[in-house]
Amino acid sequence: MRHRLHHPLWAHLPAVTLIGVMIGAIINAMPLPARVPVHFGLSGRPDRWGSPWELVPIIAISVVLIGISALGDELWARQEVDRKRFNWLSLFDEIFIGFIAGTFLSTLAIMHDPSPVFALDWGMIALIVGGAVAAAIVLETLRKWNPVQESAIPEDTASIEREIGGLTEEGKPWDYQDTQNPAYMNWVVIGTGLVGILAAVSIWPQSPWLSVLIFVLAALPVVFYGGLRVSVTPERVRVRLGFLGIPLLTLKIIDLADVQVHQFSPLADFGGYGIRFNAQIKAYFLRGNRGVKLTTVRGKNYLIGSDRPERLSAVIQIAKRLAG
């Protein structure tokens, strides 16, 4: 089965062209000197020299940046359910690779500059970045809307309504739990912790205090392990994070004016995932594009992401009816 791209690869043409220019420039500059400037200070003057082979990773990093940008743009396009939205994230690779290319080309010029005082050509760098971004804006504007056909079928909530209704009639307490725990978050938490611990161990002989600080910072993300946890009782809605249950949001049921299933675009509406907000709403979600929107009697809006938003919404509606 062929998976069709929703964001065209030709939108990355300016960044790809810059990589081609860098490769052509370094070939044209052969043979390279034994030592070349490989790092620059804020003044634009080189403060470290090294082997010309140190320039090769710059091109490799540029290729990786295009890959990251392509993945982000594809995710953005797949979230354009109702209409096309200008994808500002698509300028990511042009901005960074434009700066890299400008610095790279300026460095090649410096290599053969016999004068004792030389620096990066900031004017050329700005021109390259500006041109690449302008081209990317044009291509993003020309990109056609290629909507994803939604296949989500609303979940039948009759069973959970009967279950909670039965508990209520018997006078028994109930506490509905909803968890959003994507694997990527747990891997990020574990990976960040391990990298931090290895870094702390490696610098211990040189700086014990810095090692302890890095170790503490590396341990902090562990509290997020376990994802987003939502609890609904007849009295309140609570949102917590991680296995420690760090409180993020608590709303009284009697303070809710409206409850509804809500579809959204994580990137276009909030710029990513996690604890997010915009001018209209504050949101808590770790994946997906559906959740439950809660509006309070004071007019404040909250969005809780959920893998089963119909069930979560139905439970909150029941609690709201019970609260009268």
Protein backbone atom coordinates (compact mmCIF):
# COMPACT_ATOMS: atom_id res chain seq x y z
CA MET A 1 0.00 0.00 0.00
CA ARG A 2 1.46 3.35 -1.05
CA HIS A 3 1.31 6.13 1.52
CA ARG A 4 0.64 9.45 -0.18
CA LEU A 5 2.47 12.54 1.08
CA HIS A 6 0.21 15.43 2.00
CA HIS A 7 3.00 18.00 2.12
CA PRO A 8 4.97 18.11 -1.17
CA LEU A 9 8.72 17.56 -1.01
CA TRP A 10 9.31 20.31 -3.59
CA ALA A 11 8.48 22.81 -0.85
CA HIS A 12 11.98 22.09 0.52
CA LEU A 13 13.68 23.01 -2.77
CA PRO A 14 15.35 26.21 -1.44
CA ALA A 15 17.07 24.31 1.39
CA VAL A 16 18.09 21.46 -0.93
CA THR A 17 19.50 23.99 -3.40
CA LEU A 18 21.62 25.56 -0.66
CA ILE A 19 23.10 22.16 0.19
CA GLY A 20 23.96 21.67 -3.48
CA VAL A 21 25.61 25.10 -3.55
CA MET A 22 27.70 24.22 -0.48
CA ILE A 23 28.86 20.95 -2.03
CA GLY A 24 29.70 22.68 -5.33
CA ALA A 25 31.56 25.47 -3.52
CA ILE A 26 33.76 23.12 -1.52
CA ILE A 27 34.60 21.11 -4.66
CA ASN A 28 35.48 24.34 -6.48
CA ALA A 29 37.70 25.45 -3.56
CA MET A 30 39.85 22.31 -3.75
CA PRO A 31 42.54 21.81 -2.67
CA LEU A 32 41.69 23.11 0.79
CA PRO A 33 44.34 24.49 3.17
CA ALA A 34 45.60 22.23 5.96
CA ARG A 35 43.95 24.49 8.56
CA VAL A 36 40.69 26.38 8.13
CA PRO A 37 38.48 28.49 10.43
CA VAL A 38 35.94 26.17 12.08
CA HIS A 39 34.44 28.41 14.77
CA PHE A 40 33.63 32.10 15.02
CA GLY A 41 33.01 34.54 17.85
CA LEU A 42 30.18 37.06 18.08
CA SER A 43 32.36 39.54 16.22
CA GLY A 44 32.34 37.23 13.19
CA ARG A 45 36.06 36.58 13.42
CA PRO A 46 37.38 33.03 13.64
CA ASP A 47 38.45 31.98 17.14
CA ARG A 48 39.37 28.38 16.34
CA TRP A 49 41.09 26.72 13.39
CA GLY A 50 41.12 23.06 12.49
CA SER A 51 41.08 20.44 9.76
CA PRO A 52 38.93 21.13 6.66
CA TRP A 53 37.27 17.77 7.32
CA GLU A 54 35.45 19.47 10.20
CA LEU A 55 33.36 21.24 7.55
CA VAL A 56 31.86 17.97 6.31
CA PRO A 57 29.51 17.51 9.31
CA ILE A 58 27.99 20.89 8.47
CA ILE A 59 26.53 19.44 5.27
CA ALA A 60 25.41 16.29 7.11
CA ILE A 61 23.64 18.43 9.74
CA SER A 62 21.90 20.35 6.95
CA VAL A 63 20.54 17.12 5.47
CA VAL A 64 19.26 16.05 8.90
CA LEU A 65 17.54 19.43 9.33
CA ILE A 66 15.70 18.96 6.04
CA GLY A 67 14.55 15.53 7.18
CA ILE A 68 13.27 16.92 10.49
CA SER A 69 11.51 19.76 8.70
CA ALA A 70 9.91 17.36 6.19
CA LEU A 71 8.51 15.22 9.00
CA GLY A 72 7.12 18.26 10.80
CA ASP A 73 5.57 19.65 7.62
CA GLU A 74 3.93 16.32 6.81
CA LEU A 75 2.45 16.19 10.30
CA TRP A 76 1.15 19.74 9.88
CA ALA A 77 -0.45 18.92 6.52
CA ARG A 78 -2.15 15.81 7.94
CA GLN A 79 -3.75 18.01 10.59
CA GLU A 80 -5.29 20.38 8.03
CA VAL A 81 -8.70 18.77 8.22
CA ASP A 82 -11.00 21.71 7.48
CA ARG A 83 -8.77 24.10 5.49
CA LYS A 84 -5.22 24.94 4.49
CA ARG A 85 -3.23 27.02 6.96
CA PHE A 86 0.07 28.71 6.21
CA ASN A 87 2.75 26.50 7.72
CA TRP A 88 5.32 28.77 9.38
CA LEU A 89 7.21 25.66 10.48
CA SER A 90 8.06 25.05 6.81
CA LEU A 91 10.53 27.96 7.04
CA PHE A 92 12.55 26.12 9.70
CA ASP A 93 15.07 24.49 7.36
CA GLU A 94 15.48 27.56 5.13
CA ILE A 95 16.31 29.79 8.11
CA PHE A 96 18.86 27.44 9.66
CA ILE A 97 20.35 26.03 6.46
CA GLY A 98 20.43 29.53 4.98
CA PHE A 99 22.52 30.66 7.94
CA ILE A 100 24.71 27.55 7.71
CA ALA A 101 25.22 28.03 3.97
CA GLY A 102 26.03 31.72 4.37
CA THR A 103 28.56 30.97 7.09
CA PHE A 104 29.97 28.09 5.04
CA LEU A 105 30.45 30.18 1.88
CA SER A 106 31.92 33.05 3.88
CA THR A 107 34.34 30.60 5.50
CA LEU A 108 35.50 29.37 2.12
CA ALA A 109 36.26 32.96 1.16
CA ILE A 110 38.19 33.53 4.38
CA MET A 111 40.40 30.51 3.71
CA HIS A 112 42.10 32.22 0.81
CA ASP A 113 42.09 35.73 2.29
CA PRO A 114 45.72 36.75 2.81
CA SER A 115 44.86 39.75 5.04
CA PRO A 116 45.56 39.37 8.78
CA VAL A 117 42.12 40.71 9.75
CA PHE A 118 39.05 38.99 8.33
CA ALA A 119 35.55 38.14 9.48
CA LEU A 120 32.32 36.61 8.29
CA ASP A 121 30.41 38.49 5.63
CA TRP A 122 27.19 39.18 7.58
CA GLY A 123 25.67 40.97 4.60
CA MET A 124 26.04 37.90 2.40
CA ILE A 125 24.67 35.65 5.16
CA ALA A 126 21.61 37.89 5.61
CA LEU A 127 21.05 37.94 1.84
CA ILE A 128 21.19 34.14 1.58
CA VAL A 129 18.86 33.62 4.55
CA GLY A 130 16.42 36.25 3.28
CA GLY A 131 16.37 34.82 -0.24
CA ALA A 132 15.85 31.25 0.96
CA VAL A 133 13.02 32.26 3.31
CA ALA A 134 11.33 34.36 0.61
CA ALA A 135 11.45 31.41 -1.80
CA ALA A 136 10.07 29.09 0.89
CA ILE A 137 7.18 31.49 1.57
CA VAL A 138 6.28 31.52 -2.15
CA LEU A 139 6.36 27.71 -2.35
CA GLU A 140 4.29 27.32 0.82
CA THR A 141 1.75 29.76 -0.60
CA LEU A 142 1.56 27.74 -3.84
CA ARG A 143 1.12 24.45 -1.97
CA LYS A 144 -2.35 23.02 -2.50
CA TRP A 145 -4.57 21.82 0.30
CA ASN A 146 -4.54 18.03 0.35
CA PRO A 147 -6.96 17.07 3.15
CA VAL A 148 -6.77 13.81 5.06
CA GLN A 149 -9.96 11.81 4.96
CA GLU A 150 -11.05 11.39 8.57
CA SER A 151 -12.01 7.82 9.45
CA ALA A 152 -12.71 8.24 13.17
CA ILE A 153 -16.06 6.74 14.16
CA PRO A 154 -17.70 8.24 17.26
CA GLU A 155 -17.57 5.74 20.10
CA ASP A 156 -20.76 4.34 21.57
CA THR A 157 -20.94 5.57 25.17
CA ALA A 158 -24.01 3.59 26.24
CA SER A 159 -22.04 1.05 28.29
CA ILE A 160 -20.16 3.61 30.40
CA GLU A 161 -23.37 5.59 30.90
CA ARG A 162 -25.14 2.46 32.19
CA GLU A 163 -22.21 1.60 34.44
CA ILE A 164 -22.03 5.01 36.08
CA GLY A 165 -25.80 5.24 36.22
CA GLY A 166 -25.93 1.95 38.09
CA LEU A 167 -23.29 3.02 40.60
CA THR A 168 -25.13 6.29 41.17
CA GLU A 169 -28.46 4.53 41.79
CA GLU A 170 -26.79 2.23 44.32
CA GLY A 171 -25.24 5.21 46.06
CA LYS A 172 -21.70 3.97 45.40
CA PRO A 173 -18.84 6.39 44.68
CA TRP A 174 -17.25 6.34 41.24
CA ASP A 175 -14.07 7.77 39.73
CA TYR A 176 -13.61 7.55 35.96
CA GLN A 177 -9.99 7.43 34.78
CA ASP A 178 -8.73 8.47 31.34
CA THR A 179 -5.03 8.19 30.44
CA GLN A 180 -3.08 9.52 27.49
CA ASN A 181 0.37 7.94 27.64
CA PRO A 182 2.17 7.87 24.25
CA ALA A 183 5.28 5.70 24.01
CA TYR A 184 7.38 8.55 22.58
CA MET A 185 7.09 10.55 25.79
CA ASN A 186 8.31 7.69 27.97
CA TRP A 187 11.23 7.06 25.63
CA VAL A 188 12.13 10.76 25.68
CA VAL A 189 12.00 10.79 29.47
CA ILE A 190 14.18 7.68 29.77
CA GLY A 191 16.60 8.81 27.05
CA THR A 192 17.00 12.30 28.51
CA GLY A 193 17.65 10.84 31.94
CA LEU A 194 20.28 8.39 30.70
CA VAL A 195 22.11 11.03 28.65
CA GLY A 196 22.11 13.39 31.62
CA ILE A 197 23.42 10.73 33.99
CA LEU A 198 26.23 9.77 31.58
CA ALA A 199 27.17 13.45 31.22
CA ALA A 200 27.17 13.89 35.01
CA VAL A 201 29.43 10.88 35.49
CA SER A 202 31.85 11.98 32.76
CA ILE A 203 32.47 15.45 34.21
CA TRP A 204 32.59 14.39 37.87
CA PRO A 205 36.44 14.40 38.02
CA GLN A 206 36.63 17.96 36.66
CA SER A 207 33.60 19.55 38.38
CA PRO A 208 31.71 17.59 41.07
CA TRP A 209 29.25 20.42 41.76
CA LEU A 210 28.32 20.76 38.08
CA SER A 211 28.02 16.98 37.89
CA VAL A 212 25.52 16.96 40.78
CA LEU A 213 23.51 19.77 39.16
CA ILE A 214 23.33 17.90 35.83
CA PHE A 215 22.31 14.71 37.63
CA VAL A 216 19.45 16.52 39.40
CA LEU A 217 18.29 18.12 36.14
CA ALA A 218 18.46 14.73 34.40
CA ALA A 219 16.29 13.17 37.10
CA LEU A 220 13.55 15.83 36.88
CA PRO A 221 11.94 14.56 33.62
CA VAL A 222 11.34 11.17 35.28
CA VAL A 223 8.38 12.66 37.15
CA PHE A 224 6.61 13.01 33.77
CA TYR A 225 6.76 9.24 33.18
CA GLY A 226 3.23 7.86 32.92
CA GLY A 227 1.66 10.52 30.71
CA LEU A 228 -1.47 12.60 31.18
CA ARG A 229 -4.04 11.32 33.69
CA VAL A 230 -7.61 12.57 33.92
CA SER A 231 -9.93 11.78 36.80
CA VAL A 232 -13.67 12.53 36.80
CA THR A 233 -15.84 12.23 39.92
CA PRO A 234 -19.32 13.59 40.62
CA GLU A 235 -17.63 16.65 42.13
CA ARG A 236 -14.60 17.48 39.98
CA VAL A 237 -12.45 17.01 36.90
CA ARG A 238 -8.75 16.69 37.62
CA VAL A 239 -5.83 16.58 35.21
CA ARG A 240 -2.50 15.27 36.50
CA LEU A 241 0.87 14.49 34.94
CA GLY A 242 3.17 11.51 35.46
CA PHE A 243 3.21 8.67 37.95
CA LEU A 244 3.50 11.17 40.84
CA GLY A 245 0.24 12.80 39.77
CA ILE A 246 1.53 16.37 39.45
CA PRO A 247 -1.65 18.51 39.50
CA LEU A 248 -2.22 20.56 36.34
CA LEU A 249 -5.92 21.42 36.42
CA THR A 250 -8.85 21.02 38.80
CA LEU A 251 -12.36 22.12 37.87
CA LYS A 252 -15.51 21.76 39.93
CA ILE A 253 -18.37 20.14 38.03
CA ILE A 254 -20.79 22.85 39.21
CA ASP A 255 -18.56 25.45 37.54
CA LEU A 256 -18.88 23.89 34.08
CA ALA A 257 -21.25 25.58 31.64
CA ASP A 258 -20.57 23.45 28.55
CA VAL A 259 -18.90 20.14 27.66
CA GLN A 260 -18.30 18.95 24.10
CA VAL A 261 -16.02 16.77 21.99
CA HIS A 262 -13.59 19.00 20.14
CA GLN A 263 -11.29 18.43 17.16
CA PHE A 264 -8.20 20.59 16.80
CA SER A 265 -4.83 20.93 15.05
CA PRO A 266 -1.98 20.50 17.57
CA LEU A 267 0.61 22.31 15.44
CA ALA A 268 -1.51 25.03 13.83
CA ASP A 269 -3.60 25.79 16.92
CA PHE A 270 -0.98 25.34 19.63
CA GLY A 271 2.43 24.93 18.01
CA GLY A 272 3.04 21.48 19.44
CA TYR A 273 2.07 19.06 22.19
CA GLY A 274 1.99 19.22 25.98
CA ILE A 275 0.59 22.02 28.10
CA ARG A 276 -0.39 24.64 25.55
CA PHE A 277 -2.53 27.72 25.24
CA ASN A 278 -3.63 30.38 22.80
CA ALA A 279 -5.83 33.45 23.06
CA GLN A 280 -9.03 31.38 23.40
CA ILE A 281 -8.18 28.19 25.27
CA LYS A 282 -5.68 26.38 27.49
CA ALA A 283 -4.96 22.79 26.46
CA TYR A 284 -3.47 19.59 27.87
CA PHE A 285 -2.66 16.83 25.37
CA LEU A 286 0.20 14.53 24.39
CA ARG A 287 -1.03 13.09 21.06
CA GLY A 288 -3.95 13.01 18.64
CA ASN A 289 -6.20 15.83 17.50
CA ARG A 290 -9.36 15.16 19.50
CA GLY A 291 -10.34 15.92 23.05
CA VAL A 292 -12.99 17.41 25.32
CA LYS A 293 -13.53 21.14 25.49
CA LEU A 294 -14.74 22.47 28.84
CA THR A 295 -16.23 25.94 29.22
CA THR A 296 -16.73 27.36 32.71
CA VAL A 297 -19.52 29.67 33.84
CA ARG A 298 -16.93 32.47 33.83
CA GLY A 299 -16.22 31.89 30.15
CA LYS A 300 -12.83 30.23 30.45
CA ASN A 301 -12.07 27.39 28.02
CA TYR A 302 -9.98 24.28 28.63
CA LEU A 303 -9.13 21.43 26.28
CA ILE A 304 -8.26 17.97 27.58
CA GLY A 305 -6.80 15.60 24.99
CA SER A 306 -8.13 12.05 25.03
CA ASP A 307 -7.87 8.83 23.06
CA ARG A 308 -11.57 8.24 23.86
CA PRO A 309 -13.10 11.72 23.90
CA GLU A 310 -16.72 10.56 23.53
CA ARG A 311 -16.49 8.49 26.72
CA LEU A 312 -14.76 11.25 28.65
CA SER A 313 -17.30 13.81 27.49
CA ALA A 314 -20.23 11.51 28.36
CA VAL A 315 -18.90 10.92 31.89
CA ILE A 316 -18.45 14.65 32.52
CA GLN A 317 -21.96 15.26 31.16
CA ILE A 318 -23.36 12.69 33.61
CA ALA A 319 -21.54 14.36 36.51
CA LYS A 320 -22.86 17.72 35.35
CA ARG A 321 -26.45 16.43 35.30
CA LEU A 322 -26.04 14.93 38.77
CA ALA A 323 -24.71 18.25 40.07
CA GLY A 324 -27.99 19.75 38.88
